Amino acid sequence: MKEKTLTSIQISVKHRDMLKKFCEKYAFNMSSFIEKLIEERTSRPDERPSIFNGDGREVKGNTAFGYYDKEHEFLSDCYDFMLWAARRLGYPIIDIEMLDVQFYQCFEDAVNTYNSLKGRPINYALIDERGKDWIKQFFFAMCKEVLGTIRRKYESIPIPGGDVTLDGPQLVFEGRSEQENLRRNIP
């Protein structure tokens, strides 16, 4: 087993006191907080989850419940629909602040919603083309809602000369409205 090497870090008393106040205010253990911060800042980028980058992990094993992990058509459509949705949301021109597994979750939820509303068993292969088109639209509406929820946490981002306001609340509203409309008009 590799032994952990301890290293001391020298900082000014002023900065130490500021860090101590911050940790006390938010009930952090100061040494654990520093270790975690250093680990986050020094880890390789490929070790950390990143926002959507045009690639995706294998779908099988990366959906929330794995209901359809044995259905080849589901796995293929899930990946293809993820790329389609990301492009409609603006990728690669703008960053999409979602992970591939979040797209997979939305797709699985859209299929489950369709099957539930139609009173069908959990089986993707039984769904016809009209149903798959409905699922695609519902999936996209869910992606909008998830992305909007993420962006809503950061109302505006400072940039030189002002702020940029993100479209989080609008995406959440659009996504929910579209989902409700689709629920009423299921084929």
Protein backbone atom coordinates (compact mmCIF):
# COMPACT_ATOMS: atom_id res chain seq x y z
CA MET A 1 0.00 0.00 0.00
CA LYS A 2 1.35 3.39 -0.97
CA GLU A 3 2.11 5.62 1.99
CA LYS A 4 0.64 9.10 1.95
CA THR A 5 3.24 11.84 1.98
CA LEU A 6 2.45 14.84 4.12
CA THR A 7 3.66 18.21 2.97
CA SER A 8 3.31 21.49 4.74
CA ILE A 9 2.09 24.54 2.91
CA GLN A 10 3.12 27.97 4.04
CA ILE A 11 0.61 30.75 3.67
CA SER A 12 0.35 34.13 5.25
CA VAL A 13 -1.41 34.51 8.59
CA LYS A 14 -3.99 36.72 6.88
CA HIS A 15 -4.84 34.03 4.31
CA ARG A 16 -4.81 31.29 6.93
CA ASP A 17 -7.29 33.27 9.05
CA MET A 18 -9.51 33.94 6.02
CA LEU A 19 -9.50 30.24 5.17
CA LYS A 20 -10.21 29.32 8.78
CA LYS A 21 -13.21 31.72 8.92
CA PHE A 22 -14.54 30.34 5.65
CA CYS A 23 -14.27 26.74 6.86
CA GLU A 24 -15.90 27.59 10.20
CA LYS A 25 -18.74 29.47 8.48
CA TYR A 26 -19.58 26.50 6.24
CA ALA A 27 -18.67 23.79 8.79
CA PHE A 28 -15.76 22.38 6.76
CA ASN A 29 -12.80 20.59 8.24
CA MET A 30 -9.97 22.88 7.13
CA SER A 31 -7.39 20.19 6.32
CA SER A 32 -9.94 18.01 4.48
CA PHE A 33 -11.12 21.06 2.56
CA ILE A 34 -7.57 21.92 1.48
CA GLU A 35 -6.83 18.31 0.49
CA LYS A 36 -9.99 18.13 -1.62
CA LEU A 37 -9.25 21.49 -3.24
CA ILE A 38 -5.70 20.47 -4.11
CA GLU A 39 -6.89 17.11 -5.45
CA GLU A 40 -9.51 18.78 -7.67
CA ARG A 41 -7.04 21.30 -9.04
CA THR A 42 -4.25 18.81 -9.72
CA SER A 43 -6.21 15.86 -11.12
CA ARG A 44 -5.94 15.21 -14.84
CA PRO A 45 -8.87 16.55 -16.89
CA ASP A 46 -9.74 13.07 -18.18
CA GLU A 47 -10.21 11.87 -14.59
CA ARG A 48 -12.94 14.42 -13.89
CA PRO A 49 -16.42 14.31 -15.37
CA SER A 50 -16.74 16.99 -18.00
CA ILE A 51 -19.57 18.65 -19.83
CA PHE A 52 -20.77 17.17 -23.09
CA ASN A 53 -17.87 16.91 -25.52
CA GLY A 54 -19.43 15.18 -28.51
CA ASP A 55 -18.38 11.74 -27.31
CA GLY A 56 -20.32 9.49 -25.06
CA ARG A 57 -19.72 6.50 -22.92
CA GLU A 58 -21.33 3.26 -23.89
CA VAL A 59 -25.06 3.47 -23.16
CA LYS A 60 -25.29 -0.04 -21.70
CA GLY A 61 -24.66 0.19 -17.98
CA ASN A 62 -24.89 3.98 -17.93
CA THR A 63 -28.67 4.44 -17.86
CA ALA A 64 -30.33 5.00 -14.51
CA PHE A 65 -32.29 1.75 -14.25
CA GLY A 66 -30.98 -0.39 -17.10
CA TYR A 67 -34.49 -1.45 -18.16
CA TYR A 68 -33.51 -1.56 -21.83
CA ASP A 69 -29.82 -2.45 -21.58
CA LYS A 70 -30.37 -5.72 -23.44
CA GLU A 71 -32.18 -4.11 -26.38
CA HIS A 72 -29.77 -3.23 -29.19
CA GLU A 73 -32.19 -0.80 -30.87
CA PHE A 74 -32.66 1.16 -27.61
CA LEU A 75 -28.90 1.43 -27.09
CA SER A 76 -28.36 2.64 -30.67
CA ASP A 77 -31.25 5.12 -30.61
CA CYS A 78 -30.23 6.47 -27.20
CA TYR A 79 -26.75 7.37 -28.43
CA ASP A 80 -28.01 8.80 -31.73
CA PHE A 81 -30.74 10.84 -30.01
CA MET A 82 -28.17 12.20 -27.54
CA LEU A 83 -26.08 13.57 -30.42
CA TRP A 84 -29.21 14.92 -32.14
CA ALA A 85 -30.39 16.70 -28.97
CA ALA A 86 -26.95 18.15 -28.21
CA ARG A 87 -26.76 19.64 -31.70
CA ARG A 88 -30.27 21.11 -31.38
CA LEU A 89 -29.21 22.66 -28.06
CA GLY A 90 -26.27 24.38 -29.78
CA TYR A 91 -23.33 21.98 -29.61
CA PRO A 92 -20.55 22.48 -30.78
CA ILE A 93 -21.06 26.24 -31.10
CA ILE A 94 -21.90 26.53 -27.41
CA ASP A 95 -21.14 24.22 -24.49
CA ILE A 96 -23.89 21.94 -23.27
CA GLU A 97 -23.51 21.64 -19.50
CA MET A 98 -24.80 18.06 -19.35
CA LEU A 99 -23.02 14.74 -19.07
CA ASP A 100 -23.73 11.92 -21.49
CA VAL A 101 -25.31 9.93 -18.65
CA GLN A 102 -27.81 12.76 -18.10
CA PHE A 103 -28.86 12.47 -21.75
CA TYR A 104 -29.18 8.69 -21.30
CA GLN A 105 -31.32 9.21 -18.21
CA CYS A 106 -33.64 11.56 -20.09
CA PHE A 107 -33.99 9.08 -22.93
CA GLU A 108 -34.79 6.19 -20.60
CA ASP A 109 -37.32 8.38 -18.77
CA ALA A 110 -38.95 9.39 -22.08
CA VAL A 111 -39.33 5.74 -23.10
CA ASN A 112 -40.71 4.85 -19.67
CA THR A 113 -43.19 7.75 -19.85
CA TYR A 114 -44.40 6.61 -23.27
CA ASN A 115 -44.82 3.00 -22.13
CA SER A 116 -46.59 4.13 -18.97
CA LEU A 117 -49.00 6.45 -20.80
CA LYS A 118 -49.78 3.73 -23.34
CA GLY A 119 -50.12 1.04 -20.64
CA ARG A 120 -47.40 -1.06 -22.28
CA PRO A 121 -44.81 -3.38 -20.78
CA ILE A 122 -41.19 -2.29 -20.61
CA ASN A 123 -40.07 -3.21 -24.12
CA TYR A 124 -38.56 -0.75 -26.59
CA ALA A 125 -38.84 -3.12 -29.55
CA LEU A 126 -42.68 -2.95 -29.47
CA ILE A 127 -42.75 0.79 -30.14
CA ASP A 128 -43.65 1.87 -33.69
CA GLU A 129 -42.12 4.80 -35.61
CA ARG A 130 -44.81 7.29 -34.50
CA GLY A 131 -44.13 6.31 -30.90
CA LYS A 132 -40.38 6.71 -31.38
CA ASP A 133 -40.93 10.15 -32.88
CA TRP A 134 -43.02 11.10 -29.81
CA ILE A 135 -40.26 9.74 -27.54
CA LYS A 136 -37.66 11.79 -29.42
CA GLN A 137 -39.65 15.00 -28.92
CA PHE A 138 -40.37 14.20 -25.25
CA PHE A 139 -36.69 13.34 -24.72
CA PHE A 140 -35.66 16.69 -26.18
CA ALA A 141 -38.13 18.53 -23.93
CA MET A 142 -36.67 16.70 -20.91
CA CYS A 143 -33.13 17.64 -21.99
CA LYS A 144 -34.21 21.29 -22.16
CA GLU A 145 -35.57 21.09 -18.64
CA VAL A 146 -32.41 19.45 -17.25
CA LEU A 147 -30.12 21.92 -19.03
CA GLY A 148 -32.31 24.80 -17.87
CA THR A 149 -32.14 23.57 -14.28
CA ILE A 150 -28.35 23.50 -14.50
CA ARG A 151 -28.11 26.95 -16.10
CA ARG A 152 -30.66 28.41 -13.68
CA LYS A 153 -28.16 27.92 -10.86
CA TYR A 154 -25.94 30.55 -12.46
CA GLU A 155 -28.22 33.45 -13.34
CA SER A 156 -25.47 35.49 -14.88
CA ILE A 157 -21.79 35.11 -15.59
CA PRO A 158 -19.46 38.08 -15.34
CA ILE A 159 -17.52 38.90 -18.49
CA PRO A 160 -15.33 41.88 -19.30
CA GLY A 161 -17.58 44.89 -19.62
CA GLY A 162 -20.70 43.37 -18.10
CA ASP A 163 -22.61 40.16 -17.43
CA VAL A 164 -24.11 37.43 -19.59
CA THR A 165 -27.55 36.25 -18.51
CA LEU A 166 -28.15 32.54 -19.06
CA ASP A 167 -31.38 31.10 -20.44
CA GLY A 168 -32.01 28.60 -17.63
CA PRO A 169 -35.50 29.69 -16.55
CA GLN A 170 -36.66 29.92 -20.16
CA LEU A 171 -35.37 26.41 -20.97
CA VAL A 172 -37.10 24.95 -17.90
CA PHE A 173 -40.37 26.62 -18.86
CA GLU A 174 -40.14 25.51 -22.50
CA GLY A 175 -39.19 21.95 -21.55
CA ARG A 176 -42.05 21.55 -19.09
CA SER A 177 -44.59 23.13 -21.45
CA GLU A 178 -43.54 20.85 -24.30
CA GLN A 179 -43.70 17.78 -22.05
CA GLU A 180 -47.22 18.67 -20.93
CA ASN A 181 -48.33 19.25 -24.52
CA LEU A 182 -46.83 15.93 -25.62
CA ARG A 183 -48.52 14.07 -22.73
CA ARG A 184 -51.89 15.37 -23.97
CA ASN A 185 -51.16 14.41 -27.60
CA ILE A 186 -49.69 10.92 -27.35
CA PRO A 187 -50.11 8.94 -30.61
